[in-house]
């Protein structure tokens, strides 16, 4: 008789995410428990790419850090596999392949000519880049996974036991809560008016953007609800995390939000290359309108912050040249970050709302009423982990402001593992995806929906909202 698992995969993700989060908080007590974890910077020379999360372990070679990270995750996930009553030996073998193939994709995606944003070209000493940011590693991983899944059946079969994309992504989102918590805590230091306006401005991302994108996808492009919900979330809220969290809330197949997320990353590059220059030309009189616009229009965190940074440098130079005023640095980019962070924070709330709607209205099952127990059973538990890590970090910042720098360093270390879990998610989704079937389901049409919605109204509504809330609010002169 088959033994019943001690944990569901959903709860296991919460346990794993909170364990990594709590371990990183050792820094608050002076214990650097995760500083040895491997990081990959945007690189021009491969030998310098790998490093450690903490300078305290700077003497550890990059390859040694990579091996330690693999061993640590191997032990952690094998313990989780045992709790799920799955075959630990087969999982360990498959996971090893998945880890190194995924990290190779992340490494390739971090090559400067692929990942460097325009503001980093001079620093890196290169003349061109595809400007995809470090999130290019996700796309490389997805493509690599599609190649393995569609053209290398033996390798795909070998990796089968380790292919747990939902476990990987849910664990990553639990960790994300803490990272966003410290970011939000830092942005609380901004002027009250900026923070309040940023909080108000995000409402339109949920109540305007989301509803319109969903309507367009359903009515005019005939997508199913399974595709339309993650698509609306990815386009209107914030790419990877929003698409996956809300996709899980309605129990969409994991491949759906991941494919949407890939489009988000690609289109964010287009916005990154265009919008800062538009802002410089037309919004230099209202610098914070420009900053808020980047946060509302550019749909990935990395690309949004890069866009805010570029916009700040362009506008500051123009204001100095035309008005003789040197703006205090940091305000435009911080406004972008504030708006983007508050958008991310409400992902959990929106996922809960969608889970309730789908449980009670869309797919209630037999009968007209759904019990609270059934809603709880359908609700994605990893959202609770996300909220727990977010609130914990905010509480630390509120009760002990002096601990914020250490908490920020701790979340930086935990975030290393979030990146690894994300890239493994993209790779494993690719492995289990039949590209021909996905094309038949309308992957090509997804891009068309994105173009229509992004350039048809999202960018312009975001500009209008930014103007309404931030018009006349200027950063101080240096």
Protein backbone atom coordinates (compact mmCIF):
# COMPACT_ATOMS: atom_id res chain seq x y z
CA UNK A 1 0.00 0.00 0.00
CA UNK A 2 1.31 3.45 -0.93
CA UNK A 3 2.17 5.61 2.08
CA UNK A 4 0.48 8.95 2.47
CA UNK A 5 2.78 11.95 2.16
CA UNK A 6 3.50 13.93 5.34
CA UNK A 7 3.14 17.21 3.43
CA UNK A 8 1.49 18.45 0.28
CA UNK A 9 3.79 20.05 -2.28
CA UNK A 10 2.10 23.38 -1.56
CA UNK A 11 2.89 23.23 2.16
CA UNK A 12 6.38 21.90 1.46
CA UNK A 13 7.10 25.04 -0.57
CA UNK A 14 6.07 27.13 2.45
CA UNK A 15 8.34 25.12 4.75
CA UNK A 16 11.33 25.30 2.39
CA UNK A 17 10.87 29.01 1.68
CA UNK A 18 10.49 29.97 5.34
CA UNK A 19 13.48 27.79 6.29
CA UNK A 20 15.73 29.61 3.81
CA UNK A 21 14.26 32.95 4.88
CA UNK A 22 14.80 32.22 8.59
CA UNK A 23 18.32 30.93 7.99
CA UNK A 24 19.25 34.14 6.21
CA UNK A 25 18.09 36.12 9.26
CA UNK A 26 21.03 34.66 11.17
CA UNK A 27 22.81 37.80 10.01
CA UNK A 28 20.77 39.79 12.52
CA UNK A 29 22.56 37.87 15.27
CA UNK A 30 25.93 38.06 13.52
CA UNK A 31 25.77 34.55 12.05
CA UNK A 32 26.41 34.55 8.29
CA UNK A 33 24.81 31.20 7.49
CA UNK A 34 24.14 31.62 3.75
CA UNK A 35 26.93 33.95 2.63
CA UNK A 36 28.70 31.08 0.84
CA UNK A 37 25.84 30.74 -1.69
CA UNK A 38 26.82 31.23 -5.32
CA UNK A 39 25.97 34.40 -7.21
CA UNK A 40 26.47 35.17 -10.89
CA UNK A 41 27.07 38.77 -11.85
CA UNK A 42 26.68 40.21 -15.34
CA UNK A 43 30.03 39.23 -16.82
CA UNK A 44 32.39 39.91 -19.68
CA UNK A 45 34.99 37.33 -18.61
CA UNK A 46 33.62 33.93 -17.58
CA UNK A 47 36.32 33.41 -14.94
CA UNK A 48 35.05 36.39 -12.94
CA UNK A 49 31.33 35.60 -13.16
CA UNK A 50 30.82 33.40 -10.11
CA UNK A 51 31.10 34.78 -6.61
CA UNK A 52 29.65 34.46 -3.12
CA UNK A 53 26.64 36.19 -1.62
CA UNK A 54 28.72 37.64 1.22
CA UNK A 55 32.15 39.27 1.25
CA UNK A 56 32.88 37.23 4.37
CA UNK A 57 33.30 34.23 2.07
CA UNK A 58 35.16 36.08 -0.68
CA UNK A 59 38.08 33.64 -0.38
CA UNK A 60 35.87 30.78 -1.53
CA UNK A 61 36.34 30.07 -5.27
CA UNK A 62 33.26 30.59 -7.41
CA UNK A 63 33.13 26.96 -8.48
CA UNK A 64 33.40 25.89 -4.84
CA UNK A 65 30.49 28.15 -3.97
CA UNK A 66 28.46 26.61 -6.79
CA UNK A 67 29.13 23.08 -5.54
CA UNK A 68 28.26 24.02 -1.95
CA UNK A 69 25.01 25.58 -3.15
CA UNK A 70 24.13 22.43 -5.08
CA UNK A 71 24.90 20.17 -2.08
CA UNK A 72 22.88 22.36 0.28
CA UNK A 73 19.82 22.39 -1.99
CA UNK A 74 20.24 18.69 -2.72
CA UNK A 75 20.05 17.81 0.98
CA UNK A 76 17.20 20.24 1.61
CA UNK A 77 15.09 19.05 -1.32
CA UNK A 78 15.83 15.38 -0.70
CA UNK A 79 14.43 15.84 2.81
CA UNK A 80 11.36 17.43 1.22
CA UNK A 81 11.11 14.57 -1.27
CA UNK A 82 11.14 12.09 1.61
CA UNK A 83 8.29 14.03 3.23
CA UNK A 84 6.37 13.69 -0.04
CA UNK A 85 7.03 9.93 0.04
CA UNK A 86 8.73 10.04 -3.37
CA UNK A 87 11.86 8.15 -4.43
CA UNK A 88 14.74 10.12 -2.90
CA UNK A 89 17.53 8.39 -4.84
CA UNK A 90 15.97 8.98 -8.25
CA UNK A 91 15.11 12.56 -7.28
CA UNK A 92 18.68 13.26 -6.17
CA UNK A 93 20.11 12.06 -9.47
CA UNK A 94 17.60 13.99 -11.57
CA UNK A 95 17.86 17.13 -9.44
CA UNK A 96 21.61 17.22 -9.92
CA UNK A 97 21.13 17.32 -13.69
CA UNK A 98 18.41 19.95 -13.44
CA UNK A 99 20.43 22.17 -11.11
CA UNK A 100 23.55 22.28 -13.26
CA UNK A 101 21.71 22.60 -16.58
CA UNK A 102 19.55 25.39 -15.16
CA UNK A 103 22.50 27.21 -13.67
CA UNK A 104 24.37 26.92 -16.95
CA UNK A 105 21.43 28.69 -18.60
CA UNK A 106 21.49 31.38 -15.90
CA UNK A 107 25.23 31.77 -16.42
CA UNK A 108 24.83 32.17 -20.19
CA UNK A 109 21.97 34.62 -19.74
CA UNK A 110 24.20 36.79 -17.53
CA UNK A 111 26.75 37.39 -20.30
CA UNK A 112 27.13 41.17 -20.60
CA UNK A 113 26.28 41.29 -24.29
CA UNK A 114 22.95 39.64 -23.43
CA UNK A 115 22.08 41.03 -20.00
CA UNK A 116 23.70 44.46 -19.57
CA UNK A 117 21.29 47.41 -19.52
CA UNK A 118 22.24 50.67 -21.29
CA UNK A 119 23.33 52.36 -18.03
CA UNK A 120 25.92 49.61 -17.44
CA UNK A 121 27.61 49.44 -20.85
CA UNK A 122 30.31 51.97 -20.06
CA UNK A 123 31.09 50.39 -16.69
CA UNK A 124 31.44 46.97 -18.29
CA UNK A 125 33.51 48.35 -21.14
CA UNK A 126 31.29 47.04 -23.94
CA UNK A 127 29.69 48.81 -26.87
CA UNK A 128 26.46 46.84 -27.27
CA UNK A 129 24.08 44.53 -25.50
CA UNK A 130 20.67 42.95 -26.04
CA UNK A 131 19.66 44.75 -22.79
CA UNK A 132 17.71 41.78 -21.48
CA UNK A 133 18.84 42.25 -17.82
CA UNK A 134 19.89 39.23 -15.74
CA UNK A 135 16.37 37.85 -16.18
CA UNK A 136 17.56 36.76 -19.64
CA UNK A 137 18.69 33.62 -17.83
CA UNK A 138 15.03 32.65 -17.42
CA UNK A 139 14.47 32.80 -21.17
CA UNK A 140 17.66 30.86 -21.90
CA UNK A 141 16.56 28.23 -19.37
CA UNK A 142 13.11 27.94 -20.95
CA UNK A 143 14.59 27.53 -24.44
CA UNK A 144 17.08 24.96 -23.15
CA UNK A 145 14.26 23.06 -21.46
CA UNK A 146 12.16 23.12 -24.63
CA UNK A 147 15.09 21.71 -26.59
CA UNK A 148 15.60 18.92 -24.04
CA UNK A 149 11.89 18.13 -23.80
CA UNK A 150 11.21 18.13 -27.52
CA UNK A 151 14.44 16.82 -29.05
CA UNK A 152 16.27 14.85 -26.31
CA UNK A 153 13.77 12.30 -24.98
CA UNK A 154 16.36 10.20 -23.16
CA UNK A 155 17.69 13.17 -21.20
CA UNK A 156 14.13 14.31 -20.49
CA UNK A 157 13.31 10.86 -19.12
CA UNK A 158 16.45 10.91 -16.97
CA UNK A 159 15.39 14.24 -15.43
CA UNK A 160 11.76 13.24 -14.89
CA UNK A 161 11.91 12.59 -11.12
CA UNK A 162 13.36 16.03 -10.46
CA UNK A 163 10.86 17.97 -12.55
CA UNK A 164 8.80 19.75 -9.90
CA UNK A 165 8.22 23.25 -11.31
CA UNK A 166 5.39 24.12 -8.93
CA UNK A 167 7.50 23.27 -5.89
CA UNK A 168 10.39 25.38 -7.19
CA UNK A 169 8.33 28.43 -8.10
CA UNK A 170 6.22 28.41 -4.94
CA UNK A 171 9.34 28.21 -2.78
CA UNK A 172 10.78 31.13 -4.72
CA UNK A 173 7.70 33.28 -4.17
CA UNK A 174 7.76 32.62 -0.40
CA UNK A 175 11.33 33.96 -0.37
CA UNK A 176 10.27 36.87 -2.57
CA UNK A 177 8.00 38.13 0.22
CA UNK A 178 10.97 38.89 2.44
CA UNK A 179 12.89 40.57 -0.37
CA UNK A 180 9.95 42.84 -1.17
CA UNK A 181 9.44 43.49 2.53
CA UNK A 182 12.88 45.01 2.98
CA UNK A 183 12.50 46.97 -0.26
CA UNK A 184 9.18 48.36 0.96
CA UNK A 185 10.71 49.19 4.36
CA UNK A 186 13.46 51.20 2.68
CA UNK A 187 10.99 53.08 0.51
CA UNK A 188 9.04 54.09 3.62
CA UNK A 189 11.84 56.61 4.13
CA UNK A 190 10.64 58.55 1.11
CA UNK A 191 8.48 61.63 1.53
CA UNK A 192 4.99 60.73 2.75
CA UNK A 193 3.36 62.35 -0.25
CA UNK A 194 5.38 60.26 -2.70
CA UNK A 195 4.62 57.04 -0.83
CA UNK A 196 0.90 57.80 -0.57
CA UNK A 197 0.66 58.74 -4.23
CA UNK A 198 2.55 55.59 -5.19
CA UNK A 199 0.16 53.45 -3.17
CA UNK A 200 -2.86 55.12 -4.76
CA UNK A 201 -1.45 54.82 -8.27
CA UNK A 202 -1.15 51.02 -8.11
CA UNK A 203 -4.91 50.65 -7.77
CA UNK A 204 -5.23 51.21 -11.50
CA UNK A 205 -2.92 48.26 -12.20
CA UNK A 206 -5.51 45.96 -10.65
CA UNK A 207 -8.83 47.68 -11.28
CA UNK A 208 -8.15 49.07 -14.77
CA UNK A 209 -5.30 47.23 -16.44
CA UNK A 210 -6.25 43.73 -15.30
CA UNK A 211 -9.92 43.91 -16.21
CA UNK A 212 -9.27 45.35 -19.67
CA UNK A 213 -6.52 42.86 -20.58
CA UNK A 214 -8.68 39.96 -19.39
CA UNK A 215 -11.63 41.25 -21.45
CA UNK A 216 -9.51 41.70 -24.59
CA UNK A 217 -7.94 38.24 -24.27
CA UNK A 218 -11.31 36.54 -23.77
CA UNK A 219 -13.54 38.54 -26.14
CA UNK A 220 -11.31 39.32 -29.10
CA UNK A 221 -8.61 36.63 -28.98
CA UNK A 222 -10.79 33.80 -27.62
CA UNK A 223 -8.35 32.63 -24.98
CA UNK A 224 -9.61 30.36 -22.21
CA UNK A 225 -9.76 31.59 -18.63
CA UNK A 226 -6.69 29.46 -17.88
CA UNK A 227 -4.65 31.59 -20.31
CA UNK A 228 -6.42 34.92 -19.79
CA UNK A 229 -5.90 35.21 -16.02
CA UNK A 230 -2.08 34.78 -15.99
CA UNK A 231 -1.88 36.91 -19.15
CA UNK A 232 -3.85 39.75 -17.54
CA UNK A 233 -1.73 39.49 -14.39
CA UNK A 234 1.58 39.33 -16.23
CA UNK A 235 0.80 42.29 -18.47
CA UNK A 236 -0.95 44.48 -15.93
CA UNK A 237 0.80 43.75 -12.63
CA UNK A 238 4.33 42.43 -12.62
CA UNK A 239 5.48 39.67 -14.90
CA UNK A 240 6.82 36.47 -13.44
CA UNK A 241 5.56 36.54 -9.86
CA UNK A 242 2.09 37.88 -10.62
CA UNK A 243 1.48 35.51 -13.52
CA UNK A 244 2.54 32.47 -11.51
CA UNK A 245 0.79 33.40 -8.27
CA UNK A 246 -2.54 34.14 -9.94
CA UNK A 247 -2.17 31.18 -12.29
CA UNK A 248 -1.80 28.95 -9.26
CA UNK A 249 -4.81 30.58 -7.61
CA UNK A 250 -7.04 29.40 -10.47
CA UNK A 251 -5.13 26.10 -10.82
CA UNK A 252 -3.78 26.78 -14.30
CA UNK A 253 -1.13 24.44 -15.68
CA UNK A 254 2.35 25.69 -14.67
CA UNK A 255 3.38 26.10 -18.31
CA UNK A 256 0.78 28.81 -18.84
CA UNK A 257 2.14 31.53 -16.51
CA UNK A 258 5.73 30.66 -17.40
CA UNK A 259 5.11 31.22 -21.11
CA UNK A 260 3.39 34.50 -20.25
CA UNK A 261 6.34 35.49 -18.06
CA UNK A 262 8.76 34.93 -20.93
CA UNK A 263 6.82 37.37 -23.07
CA UNK A 264 6.86 39.89 -20.23
CA UNK A 265 10.66 39.79 -20.03
CA UNK A 266 11.03 40.24 -23.79
CA UNK A 267 8.62 43.17 -24.03
CA UNK A 268 10.15 44.81 -20.97
CA UNK A 269 13.32 45.20 -23.03
CA UNK A 270 11.41 47.15 -25.68
CA UNK A 271 10.01 49.47 -23.01
CA UNK A 272 13.43 49.84 -21.38
CA UNK A 273 14.92 51.03 -24.66
CA UNK A 274 12.12 53.45 -25.55
CA UNK A 275 10.32 54.91 -22.55
CA UNK A 276 13.22 56.65 -20.72
CA UNK A 277 13.95 58.72 -23.83
CA UNK A 278 10.26 59.58 -24.27
CA UNK A 279 10.22 60.66 -20.61
CA UNK A 280 13.30 62.84 -21.12
CA UNK A 281 11.73 64.56 -24.11
CA UNK A 282 8.30 65.29 -22.63
CA UNK A 283 8.40 64.87 -18.83
CA UNK A 284 11.55 66.64 -17.70
CA UNK A 285 9.34 69.35 -16.13
CA UNK A 286 7.70 66.62 -14.00
CA UNK A 287 10.51 64.23 -13.01
CA UNK A 288 8.49 62.16 -10.54
CA UNK A 289 5.73 61.65 -13.09
CA UNK A 290 8.42 60.07 -15.25
CA UNK A 291 9.62 57.89 -12.37
CA UNK A 292 6.13 56.67 -11.52
CA UNK A 293 5.44 56.00 -15.21
CA UNK A 294 8.42 53.62 -15.40
CA UNK A 295 7.08 51.71 -12.40
CA UNK A 296 3.58 51.42 -13.87
CA UNK A 297 4.56 50.67 -17.47
CA UNK A 298 7.65 48.42 -17.32
CA UNK A 299 6.54 45.01 -16.15
CA UNK A 300 9.54 43.33 -14.53
CA UNK A 301 11.31 44.51 -11.39
CA UNK A 302 14.79 44.46 -12.90
CA UNK A 303 13.81 46.27 -16.09
CA UNK A 304 11.64 48.78 -14.19
CA UNK A 305 14.44 49.80 -11.83
CA UNK A 306 16.87 49.99 -14.76
CA UNK A 307 14.37 52.16 -16.63
CA UNK A 308 14.01 54.41 -13.58
CA UNK A 309 17.78 54.71 -13.30
CA UNK A 310 18.19 55.60 -16.97
CA UNK A 311 15.28 58.05 -16.82
CA UNK A 312 16.81 59.77 -13.80
CA UNK A 313 20.18 60.25 -15.50
CA UNK A 314 18.58 61.54 -18.72
CA UNK A 315 16.19 63.96 -17.02
CA UNK A 316 18.78 65.19 -14.51
CA UNK A 317 21.14 66.04 -17.37
CA UNK A 318 18.41 67.85 -19.31
CA UNK A 319 17.17 69.84 -16.29
CA UNK A 320 20.73 70.88 -15.48
CA UNK A 321 21.37 71.95 -19.07
CA UNK A 322 18.07 73.79 -19.62
CA UNK A 323 17.23 75.12 -16.14
CA UNK A 324 20.59 75.18 -14.39
CA UNK A 325 19.16 73.08 -11.53
CA UNK A 326 20.97 70.02 -10.21
CA UNK A 327 18.34 67.55 -8.94
CA UNK A 328 19.05 65.50 -5.84
CA UNK A 329 19.86 62.01 -7.03
CA UNK A 330 17.77 58.98 -6.19
CA UNK A 331 14.27 60.45 -6.15
CA UNK A 332 13.15 59.48 -9.65
CA UNK A 333 14.47 55.94 -9.39
CA UNK A 334 13.09 55.60 -5.85
CA UNK A 335 9.64 56.67 -7.10
CA UNK A 336 9.85 53.93 -9.74
CA UNK A 337 10.85 51.40 -7.09
CA UNK A 338 8.11 52.54 -4.69
CA UNK A 339 5.35 52.13 -7.26
CA UNK A 340 6.73 48.78 -8.44
CA UNK A 341 7.12 47.39 -4.92
CA UNK A 342 3.59 48.31 -3.89
CA UNK A 343 2.30 46.64 -7.04
CA UNK A 344 4.21 43.48 -6.09
CA UNK A 345 3.00 43.54 -2.49
CA UNK A 346 -0.63 43.30 -3.54
CA UNK A 347 -0.01 40.18 -5.64
CA UNK A 348 -0.92 38.06 -2.62
CA UNK A 349 -4.19 39.95 -2.08
CA UNK A 350 -5.13 39.61 -5.75
CA UNK A 351 -4.29 35.90 -5.75
CA UNK A 352 -6.58 35.40 -2.74
CA UNK A 353 -9.40 37.31 -4.43
CA UNK A 354 -9.06 35.24 -7.61
CA UNK A 355 -8.92 31.98 -5.63
CA UNK A 356 -12.18 32.91 -3.90
CA UNK A 357 -13.87 33.95 -7.17
CA UNK A 358 -12.82 30.75 -8.94
CA UNK A 359 -13.87 28.56 -6.03
CA UNK A 360 -17.28 30.15 -5.56
CA UNK A 361 -18.28 31.53 -8.97
CA UNK A 362 -16.30 30.05 -11.85
CA UNK A 363 -15.60 26.45 -10.85
CA UNK A 364 -17.71 25.70 -7.78
CA UNK A 365 -18.10 22.03 -8.63
CA UNK A 366 -21.32 20.30 -7.73
CA UNK A 367 -23.99 22.43 -6.18
CA UNK A 368 -24.29 26.17 -5.98
CA UNK A 369 -22.47 26.74 -2.71
CA UNK A 370 -18.88 26.10 -1.82
CA UNK A 371 -17.87 25.58 1.78
CA UNK A 372 -15.11 27.51 3.50
CA UNK A 373 -13.23 24.21 3.72
CA UNK A 374 -13.30 23.83 -0.07
CA UNK A 375 -12.08 27.40 -0.60
CA UNK A 376 -9.26 26.73 1.85
CA UNK A 377 -8.36 23.51 0.04
CA UNK A 378 -8.12 25.36 -3.28
CA UNK A 379 -6.26 28.38 -1.93
CA UNK A 380 -2.52 28.34 -2.80
CA UNK A 381 -0.82 28.01 0.60
CA UNK A 382 2.47 29.45 -0.60
CA UNK A 383 0.77 32.85 -0.64
CA UNK A 384 0.60 32.57 3.16
CA UNK A 385 4.35 32.01 3.23
CA UNK A 386 4.82 35.04 0.99
CA UNK A 387 2.77 37.19 3.39
CA UNK A 388 4.56 35.77 6.43
CA UNK A 389 8.05 36.63 5.17
CA UNK A 390 6.89 40.06 3.98
CA UNK A 391 5.25 41.00 7.29
CA UNK A 392 8.16 39.62 9.33
CA UNK A 393 10.68 41.85 7.57
CA UNK A 394 8.42 44.89 7.86
CA UNK A 395 8.03 44.20 11.59
CA UNK A 396 11.80 43.94 12.02
CA UNK A 397 12.26 47.26 10.22
CA UNK A 398 9.53 48.94 12.31
CA UNK A 399 10.68 47.60 15.70
CA UNK A 400 14.42 47.84 15.12
CA UNK A 401 15.27 50.43 12.43
CA UNK A 402 18.97 49.98 13.14
CA UNK A 403 18.68 46.36 11.96
CA UNK A 404 17.52 47.35 8.46
CA UNK A 405 21.01 47.18 6.85
CA UNK A 406 21.56 43.66 8.20
CA UNK A 407 18.05 42.62 7.22
CA UNK A 408 18.70 43.93 3.71
CA UNK A 409 21.89 41.88 3.47
CA UNK A 410 20.01 38.83 4.76
CA UNK A 411 17.28 39.20 2.16
CA UNK A 412 19.94 39.61 -0.50
CA UNK A 413 21.33 36.20 0.47
CA UNK A 414 17.89 34.59 0.54
CA UNK A 415 17.17 36.17 -2.84
CA UNK A 416 20.09 34.22 -4.32
CA UNK A 417 18.07 31.06 -3.76
CA UNK A 418 14.94 32.68 -5.17
CA UNK A 419 16.81 33.24 -8.43
CA UNK A 420 17.97 29.63 -8.53
CA UNK A 421 14.46 28.31 -7.90
CA UNK A 422 13.08 30.62 -10.58
CA UNK A 423 15.56 29.46 -13.22
CA UNK A 424 14.92 25.79 -12.37
CA UNK A 425 11.21 26.48 -12.79
CA UNK A 426 11.69 27.84 -16.30
CA UNK A 427 13.98 24.98 -17.31
CA UNK A 428 11.68 22.22 -16.00
CA UNK A 429 8.61 23.83 -17.54
CA UNK A 430 10.42 23.74 -20.87
CA UNK A 431 11.27 20.07 -20.44
CA UNK A 432 7.64 19.05 -19.93
CA UNK A 433 6.24 21.31 -22.66
CA UNK A 434 5.33 20.10 -26.12
CA UNK A 435 6.23 23.11 -28.24
CA UNK A 436 3.96 22.10 -31.12
CA UNK A 437 0.99 21.74 -28.78
CA UNK A 438 1.74 25.10 -27.17
CA UNK A 439 1.83 26.75 -30.58
CA UNK A 440 -1.54 25.19 -31.39
CA UNK A 441 -2.93 26.58 -28.12
CA UNK A 442 -2.04 30.10 -29.26
CA UNK A 443 1.42 31.07 -28.01
CA UNK A 444 1.79 33.29 -31.08
CA UNK A 445 -1.47 35.06 -30.30
CA UNK A 446 -0.27 35.79 -26.77
CA UNK A 447 2.36 38.11 -28.19
CA UNK A 448 -0.30 39.89 -30.24
CA UNK A 449 -2.48 40.41 -27.16
CA UNK A 450 0.56 41.83 -25.39
CA UNK A 451 1.30 44.28 -28.20
CA UNK A 452 -2.31 45.45 -28.43
CA UNK A 453 -2.75 45.91 -24.68
CA UNK A 454 0.68 47.30 -23.82
CA UNK A 455 0.98 49.85 -26.60
CA UNK A 456 -2.76 50.35 -27.04
CA UNK A 457 -3.60 51.53 -23.52
CA UNK A 458 -1.42 50.28 -20.63
CA UNK A 459 1.47 52.64 -21.29
CA UNK A 460 -0.84 55.61 -21.85
CA UNK A 461 -3.17 54.93 -18.93
CA UNK A 462 -0.09 54.51 -16.75
CA UNK A 463 1.16 57.89 -17.95
CA UNK A 464 -2.19 59.52 -17.18
CA UNK A 465 -2.34 58.02 -13.68
CA UNK A 466 1.27 59.02 -13.00
CA UNK A 467 0.47 62.58 -14.05
CA UNK A 468 -2.67 62.73 -11.90
CA UNK A 469 -0.85 61.60 -8.76
CA UNK A 470 2.65 63.05 -9.23
CA UNK A 471 2.13 66.24 -11.27
CA UNK A 472 3.81 69.16 -9.54
CA UNK A 473 5.75 67.00 -7.06
CA UNK A 474 9.43 67.67 -7.70
CA UNK A 475 12.56 66.18 -6.17
CA UNK A 476 14.62 68.65 -4.13
CA UNK A 477 17.59 70.41 -5.66
CA UNK A 478 20.99 69.07 -4.68
